[in-house]
Protein backbone atom coordinates (compact mmCIF):
# COMPACT_ATOMS: atom_id res chain seq x y z
CA MET A 1 120.10 71.02 180.30
CA VAL A 2 116.75 69.34 179.66
CA SER A 3 116.46 66.93 176.72
CA SER A 4 113.57 64.85 175.40
CA TYR A 5 116.01 62.17 174.25
CA MET A 6 118.44 59.69 175.71
CA PRO A 7 121.90 61.32 175.45
CA THR A 8 123.65 59.61 172.55
CA ARG A 9 126.00 60.71 169.75
CA GLY A 10 124.74 58.86 166.67
CA SER A 11 122.89 61.65 164.86
CA GLY A 12 123.35 65.32 164.03
CA ARG A 13 120.85 66.28 166.72
CA ALA A 14 122.63 64.17 169.32
CA ALA A 15 126.06 65.45 168.29
CA ARG A 16 124.91 69.07 168.72
CA THR A 17 123.66 68.30 172.23
CA TYR A 18 126.91 66.58 173.14
CA GLY A 19 129.00 69.50 171.89
CA ILE A 20 126.98 72.03 173.88
CA VAL A 21 127.09 69.93 177.06
CA ARG A 22 130.87 69.56 176.76
CA ALA A 23 131.31 73.28 176.18
CA LEU A 24 129.10 74.17 179.15
CA ALA A 25 131.01 71.74 181.36
CA VAL A 26 134.20 73.72 180.77
CA GLY A 27 132.61 76.53 182.80
CA GLY A 28 131.16 74.46 185.63
CA PRO A 29 128.89 71.56 186.59
CA VAL A 30 126.10 70.53 184.22
CA GLU A 31 123.00 68.61 185.27
CA LEU A 32 121.62 66.79 182.20
CA LEU A 33 117.97 65.82 182.64
CA HIS A 34 116.73 63.44 179.94
CA THR A 35 114.07 60.90 179.04
CA ARG A 36 114.77 57.32 177.96
CA PHE A 37 113.54 57.87 174.40
CA GLY A 38 115.69 56.91 171.41
CA ALA A 39 118.17 54.45 172.94
CA ASP A 40 118.53 51.88 175.69
CA ALA A 41 121.38 53.66 177.49
CA PRO A 42 123.42 56.87 177.34
CA ASP A 43 126.52 56.99 175.21
CA PRO A 44 129.48 56.05 177.46
CA ALA A 45 131.20 59.29 176.47
CA TYR A 46 128.76 61.23 178.67
CA GLU A 47 129.72 59.28 181.75
CA GLN A 48 133.36 60.22 181.18
CA LEU A 49 132.71 63.98 181.18
CA ASP A 50 133.94 65.74 184.28
CA GLY A 51 131.26 67.81 185.96
CA VAL A 52 128.32 66.28 184.04
CA ARG A 53 125.63 64.34 185.91
CA LEU A 54 122.82 62.48 184.15
CA HIS A 55 119.26 62.41 185.51
CA PRO A 56 117.00 59.94 183.63
CA VAL A 57 113.22 60.41 183.64
CA THR A 58 110.62 57.84 182.59
CA ASN A 59 107.68 59.22 180.62
CA SER A 60 104.13 58.08 181.29
CA ARG A 61 102.41 55.85 178.74
CA ARG A 62 99.04 55.00 177.23
CA ALA A 63 96.09 57.03 178.60
CA ARG A 64 98.24 59.63 180.34
CA ARG A 65 100.29 60.17 177.18
CA ALA A 66 97.12 60.52 175.12
CA VAL A 67 95.81 63.24 177.44
CA VAL A 68 99.11 65.16 177.32
CA TRP A 69 99.19 64.87 173.52
CA ALA A 70 95.61 66.13 173.17
CA ARG A 71 96.26 69.13 175.43
CA ALA A 72 99.38 70.06 173.50
CA ARG A 73 97.55 69.77 170.17
CA ALA A 74 94.78 72.02 171.53
CA ARG A 75 97.44 74.70 172.12
CA GLY A 76 98.60 74.52 168.50
CA VAL A 77 101.62 72.27 169.08
CA PRO A 78 102.41 70.22 165.92
CA PRO A 79 101.92 66.44 166.23
CA ALA A 80 105.67 65.86 165.75
CA VAL A 81 106.31 67.90 168.91
CA ALA A 82 103.19 67.05 170.90
CA ARG A 83 104.09 63.36 171.05
CA GLY A 84 107.26 64.20 173.00
CA VAL A 85 105.84 66.67 175.53
CA SER A 86 106.55 65.30 179.00
CA PRO A 87 105.00 66.45 182.30
CA GLU A 88 107.42 64.09 184.07
CA LEU A 89 110.35 65.94 182.50
CA ALA A 90 108.79 69.26 183.51
CA ALA A 91 108.33 68.14 187.12
CA ALA A 92 111.92 66.95 187.38
CA ALA A 93 113.15 70.21 185.87
CA GLU A 94 111.18 72.20 188.43
CA SER A 95 113.03 70.49 191.28
CA LEU A 96 116.47 70.77 189.67
CA ALA A 97 116.14 74.37 188.44
CA ASP A 98 116.43 76.06 191.84
CA GLY A 99 119.82 77.63 192.25
CA ARG A 100 120.94 76.88 188.70
CA GLU A 101 122.49 79.69 186.70
CA ARG A 102 120.89 78.58 183.43
CA VAL A 103 118.09 76.23 182.41
CA ILE A 104 118.29 75.09 178.79
CA ALA A 105 115.57 73.27 176.85
CA ASP A 106 117.44 71.16 174.32
CA ASP A 107 114.67 70.64 171.73
CA PRO A 108 111.13 71.83 170.88
CA MET A 109 109.48 69.11 172.99
CA ALA A 110 111.51 70.10 176.04
CA ALA A 111 110.76 73.78 175.41
CA VAL A 112 107.01 73.07 175.36
CA SER A 113 107.33 70.85 178.45
CA LEU A 114 109.02 73.72 180.33
CA ARG A 115 106.53 76.44 179.32
CA ARG A 116 105.25 76.90 182.89
CA LEU A 117 108.75 77.08 184.30
CA ALA A 118 109.61 79.66 181.62
CA GLY A 119 106.82 81.84 182.99
CA ARG A 120 108.60 82.07 186.34
CA ARG A 121 112.28 82.15 185.42
CA PRO A 122 114.46 82.49 182.30
CA VAL A 123 114.63 79.33 180.16
CA ILE A 124 116.92 79.12 177.14
CA TYR A 125 115.78 77.21 174.05
CA SER A 126 118.57 75.44 172.17
CA ALA A 127 117.22 74.99 168.63
CA HIS A 128 118.57 72.34 166.29
CA ASN A 129 116.96 73.91 163.23
CA LEU A 130 114.63 76.71 162.30
CA GLU A 131 111.88 74.17 161.68
CA SER A 132 109.67 76.47 159.60
CA ALA A 133 112.55 77.04 157.15
CA PHE A 134 112.08 73.55 155.71
CA ARG A 135 110.14 73.08 152.52
CA PRO A 136 106.37 72.80 153.11
CA GLY A 137 105.12 69.24 153.16
CA ARG A 138 108.40 67.66 154.29
CA ASP A 139 106.46 65.84 157.01
CA PRO A 140 102.71 66.18 157.63
CA ASP A 141 103.33 65.77 161.37
CA TRP A 142 104.81 69.27 161.37
CA GLY A 143 101.63 70.81 159.93
CA SER A 144 101.32 73.58 157.38
CA ARG A 145 103.92 76.29 156.93
CA GLY A 146 101.62 78.88 158.50
CA SER A 147 100.77 76.83 161.59
CA LEU A 148 104.39 75.83 162.08
CA GLU A 149 105.56 79.44 161.84
CA ALA A 150 102.96 80.49 164.42
CA PHE A 151 104.05 77.71 166.79
CA GLU A 152 107.74 78.44 166.35
CA ARG A 153 107.19 82.18 166.83
CA ARG A 154 105.55 81.46 170.20
CA LEU A 155 108.45 79.18 171.11
CA LEU A 156 111.06 81.85 170.30
CA GLU A 157 109.17 84.61 172.09
CA ALA A 158 108.63 82.53 175.25
CA ALA A 159 112.33 81.73 175.65
CA SER A 160 114.64 84.15 177.43
CA GLU A 161 117.11 83.41 174.64
CA THR A 162 117.24 80.98 171.71
CA TRP A 163 120.47 79.41 170.49
CA MET A 164 120.47 79.01 166.69
CA PRO A 165 122.91 76.62 164.97
CA SER A 166 123.68 78.70 161.86
CA ARG A 167 123.80 82.31 160.69
CA ALA A 168 121.06 81.50 158.17
CA ASP A 169 118.80 80.11 160.91
CA LEU A 170 119.59 83.13 163.08
CA GLU A 171 118.46 85.54 160.37
CA GLY A 172 115.36 83.46 159.65
CA ALA A 173 114.45 83.44 163.34
CA ARG A 174 114.97 87.20 163.51
CA ARG A 175 112.51 87.70 160.65
CA LEU A 176 110.01 85.32 162.25
CA ALA A 177 110.21 86.78 165.78
CA PRO A 178 111.87 90.24 165.64
CA HIS A 179 111.65 90.79 169.39
CA ALA A 180 112.99 87.40 170.51
CA GLY A 181 116.37 87.08 172.19
CA LEU A 182 118.64 85.20 169.79
CA ARG A 183 122.24 83.99 169.88
CA TYR A 184 124.42 82.21 167.35
CA VAL A 185 125.58 78.93 168.92
CA PRO A 186 127.13 76.83 166.15
CA ASN A 187 127.53 73.09 165.95
CA VAL A 188 131.01 71.97 166.99
CA VAL A 189 133.19 68.88 166.97
CA ASP A 190 136.08 67.74 169.16
CA VAL A 191 138.75 69.13 166.84
CA ALA A 192 141.56 68.54 169.33
CA ASP A 193 140.81 64.81 169.30
CA ILE A 194 140.85 64.51 165.49
CA ASP A 195 144.08 63.50 163.74
CA PRO A 196 144.16 65.25 160.33
CA ARG A 197 146.84 63.01 158.85
CA ARG A 198 145.67 61.46 155.59
CA GLU A 199 146.54 58.60 153.26
CA PRO A 200 144.48 59.32 150.11
CA ALA A 201 143.41 56.33 148.06
CA SER A 202 144.38 55.78 144.45
CA PRO A 203 142.32 56.22 142.32
CA PRO A 204 140.93 59.30 144.11
CA GLU A 205 137.83 58.93 146.24
CA ALA A 206 135.19 61.55 147.04
CA LEU A 207 133.27 61.01 150.28
CA PHE A 208 129.70 61.81 151.29
CA VAL A 209 128.88 61.09 154.96
CA ALA A 210 125.31 61.58 156.18
CA ASP A 211 122.34 60.07 157.97
CA PHE A 212 120.06 59.07 155.11
CA SER A 213 117.00 58.74 157.30
CA TYR A 214 116.97 62.56 157.03
CA ALA A 215 115.03 63.66 153.93
CA PRO A 216 117.37 66.52 152.85
CA ASN A 217 120.30 64.07 152.86
CA ARG A 218 118.41 61.65 150.61
CA GLU A 219 117.61 64.52 148.27
CA ALA A 220 121.29 65.53 148.28
CA LEU A 221 122.39 61.98 147.49
CA ALA A 222 120.02 61.75 144.52
CA PHE A 223 121.37 65.06 143.19
CA LEU A 224 124.94 63.83 143.64
CA VAL A 225 124.50 60.41 142.05
CA ASP A 226 122.09 61.32 139.24
CA GLU A 227 123.37 64.75 138.21
CA VAL A 228 126.82 65.58 139.59
CA MET A 229 128.84 62.39 139.30
CA PRO A 230 128.11 61.76 135.59
CA ARG A 231 129.51 65.22 134.87
CA ALA A 232 132.57 64.63 137.06
CA TRP A 233 133.16 61.19 135.52
CA ALA A 234 133.20 62.72 132.05
CA GLN A 235 136.48 64.43 133.10
CA ARG A 236 137.79 61.98 135.72
CA PRO A 237 136.38 58.53 134.90
CA GLU A 238 138.59 56.85 137.51
CA LEU A 239 137.05 58.88 140.39
CA ARG A 240 135.19 56.83 143.02
CA LEU A 241 132.39 57.93 145.32
CA ALA A 242 132.15 56.55 148.88
CA VAL A 243 128.79 56.97 150.63
CA ALA A 244 128.84 56.39 154.39
CA GLY A 245 125.92 56.49 156.78
CA ARG A 246 122.83 54.61 157.87
CA GLY A 247 119.82 54.40 155.61
CA TYR A 248 121.44 53.97 152.18
CA ASP A 249 121.80 50.78 150.18
CA ALA A 250 123.07 51.22 146.64
CA PRO A 251 120.58 50.05 143.98
CA THR A 252 121.42 46.80 142.21
CA ARG A 253 122.21 48.65 139.00
CA ALA A 254 124.25 51.41 140.64
CA ASP A 255 127.49 52.50 138.99
CA GLY A 256 130.35 50.26 140.10
CA ARG A 257 132.37 53.31 141.11
CA ILE A 258 129.97 54.00 144.00
CA ASP A 259 130.87 52.30 147.29
CA ALA A 260 127.95 52.08 149.74
CA LEU A 261 129.70 51.73 153.10
CA GLY A 262 126.59 51.82 155.29
CA PHE A 263 126.94 52.81 158.93
CA VAL A 264 130.62 53.21 159.90
CA ALA A 265 131.38 53.14 163.63
CA SER A 266 134.78 54.86 163.29
CA LEU A 267 135.05 57.35 160.43
CA GLY A 268 138.74 58.20 160.91
CA PRO A 269 140.07 55.68 158.34
CA VAL A 270 137.31 56.64 155.88
CA TYR A 271 138.23 60.33 156.07
CA ALA A 272 141.95 59.47 155.86
CA ARG A 273 141.61 57.73 152.49
CA ALA A 274 139.27 60.31 150.92
CA SER A 275 140.53 62.98 148.53
CA CYS A 276 137.68 65.36 149.37
CA ALA A 277 134.39 65.48 151.28
CA LEU A 278 131.07 66.42 149.70
CA VAL A 279 128.14 68.39 151.18
CA PRO A 280 125.61 68.51 148.31
CA LEU A 281 122.62 69.73 150.35
CA LEU A 282 119.81 71.48 148.48
CA SER A 283 117.50 72.05 151.47
CA GLY A 284 117.38 71.73 155.24
CA GLY A 285 118.40 73.84 158.20
CA GLY A 286 121.14 74.01 160.80
CA SER A 287 124.81 73.70 159.89
CA PRO A 288 125.98 70.27 158.68
CA LEU A 289 128.14 68.66 161.35
CA LYS A 290 129.80 66.47 158.72
CA PHE A 291 130.98 69.63 156.95
CA ILE A 292 132.70 70.76 160.14
CA GLU A 293 134.00 67.26 160.85
CA ALA A 294 135.55 67.04 157.38
CA LEU A 295 137.27 70.41 157.92
CA ALA A 296 138.68 69.08 161.19
CA TYR A 297 140.02 66.00 159.41
CA GLY A 298 141.95 68.25 157.03
CA LEU A 299 139.92 67.41 153.93
CA PRO A 300 139.02 69.86 151.16
CA VAL A 301 135.24 70.21 151.30
CA VAL A 302 132.95 70.72 148.31
CA ALA A 303 129.57 72.22 149.21
CA THR A 304 126.49 73.73 147.67
CA PRO A 305 125.50 77.25 148.77
CA ARG A 306 122.81 75.63 150.94
CA GLY A 307 125.34 73.23 152.45
CA ALA A 308 127.58 76.11 153.49
CA ALA A 309 124.81 78.53 154.45
CA GLY A 310 125.26 80.02 157.87
CA LEU A 311 128.86 78.89 158.39
CA ASP A 312 131.62 81.45 158.97
CA ALA A 313 133.53 80.07 156.00
CA ASP A 314 134.69 81.69 152.77
CA SER A 315 134.36 79.81 149.49
CA SER A 316 137.68 79.21 147.68
CA ARG A 317 139.50 79.85 150.94
CA HIS A 318 137.98 77.37 153.41
CA TYR A 319 136.02 75.18 150.99
CA PHE A 320 135.02 74.80 147.33
CA GLU A 321 131.51 75.93 146.43
CA GLY A 322 129.40 74.84 143.48
CA ALA A 323 125.80 75.70 142.61
CA GLY A 324 123.81 73.39 140.35
CA ALA A 325 125.06 70.14 138.88
CA ASP A 326 127.61 71.76 136.56
CA GLY A 327 128.93 74.07 139.27
CA PHE A 328 129.20 71.33 141.88
CA ALA A 329 130.96 68.95 139.48
CA GLY A 330 133.43 71.72 138.58
CA ALA A 331 134.11 72.46 142.26
CA LEU A 332 134.64 68.74 142.89
CA LEU A 333 137.25 68.56 140.11
CA ASP A 334 138.97 71.67 141.52
CA ALA A 335 139.18 70.03 144.95
CA LEU A 336 141.02 67.07 143.42
CA ASP A 337 143.87 69.33 142.32
CA PRO A 338 146.67 68.47 144.81
CA GLU A 339 147.98 72.01 145.32
CA ARG A 340 144.64 73.82 145.52
CA GLY A 341 143.07 71.06 147.57
CA ALA A 342 145.89 71.07 150.13
CA ALA A 343 145.75 74.87 150.60
CA VAL A 344 141.99 74.91 151.12
CA ALA A 345 142.14 71.89 153.45
CA ALA A 346 144.77 73.58 155.66
CA ALA A 347 142.69 76.75 155.92
CA GLY A 348 139.61 74.66 156.72
CA ARG A 349 141.36 72.87 159.56
CA GLU A 350 142.41 76.22 161.04
CA LEU A 351 138.80 77.44 160.82
CA ALA A 352 137.56 74.34 162.61
CA GLU A 353 140.03 74.92 165.44
CA SER A 354 139.26 78.64 165.84
CA THR A 355 135.48 78.61 165.41
CA TYR A 356 133.96 75.12 165.50
CA SER A 357 135.82 73.38 168.32
CA ILE A 358 134.60 72.54 171.84
CA GLU A 359 137.00 75.16 173.19
CA ALA A 360 135.69 77.87 170.84
CA LEU A 361 132.10 77.16 171.87
CA ALA A 362 133.04 77.19 175.57
CA ARG A 363 134.43 80.70 175.10
CA ARG A 364 131.29 81.77 173.29
CA LEU A 365 128.98 80.46 176.03
CA ALA A 366 131.04 81.67 178.99
């Protein structure tokens, strides 16, 4: 496994990598080659994994980095990816690849770094999103929709196989590159290690957990606070909203029923006191890990169609779905019903165990 980042667990991207590494390790040894970008040290959880060995690589700097960046840009690589292309990572991968059953590029930068190796042996690309599925203009460093689609098409076609995180991303990738080898490899959580016992707060509390440095999550929060909650409060004025995650500070004039928790190191107690979890996404790719995590904690989940897109979950059975502000507020009120909420939460926990656990992914990758 070749990653352009230090192996951590603090973001959705990092959590996907960790889940895949753990699932691969069930089947045999895993060599994890990584740069030192993004953190000072690996998450200690990696060092506790049986059969996983870490191999850190230090990227070059200054003039050498500028040359690498310019060459990548000349090949049509978006600036957001070109800045992470690493010849040092590629060289280390060349020496470690011999005799390995599979070589996996864990992100677009790693996939570009390994392009020469991919010309000589199969290299799998583990995608975290279908990047061209995002709304145009989300970040100028990704370029125009057309240039990004062309780049991503080349990436998919060069890989022996690409692992997509959601059914929606899988279908989008199939339309973009019809002849590419594609596989559905969902995001997973350590369901077996999650205690679903709950102690709901009174008055009831709805919970939104996200990384608000991610633009689609900020958009979702604005939709929730400005449009959904006023409608829900018209029926349940006592309802509280807890917002957990880095990057959000409640405005000075925010409604007093909104609790801005900030970054929470251990989310277990926060999930335990919540009456339901919210996934109000309106855009973005992948499958929300916090959706799956909430299912594992035995919470009824309320999601938009976009928030649930690509998951093997049925609305009204595994979660409550609501489109638009009125629909989402209605689904939120339905989730607060004790009987209906409990039935959906139980089915959601079973789904997490059968489909979105480390063990389920290990079976899928075997």
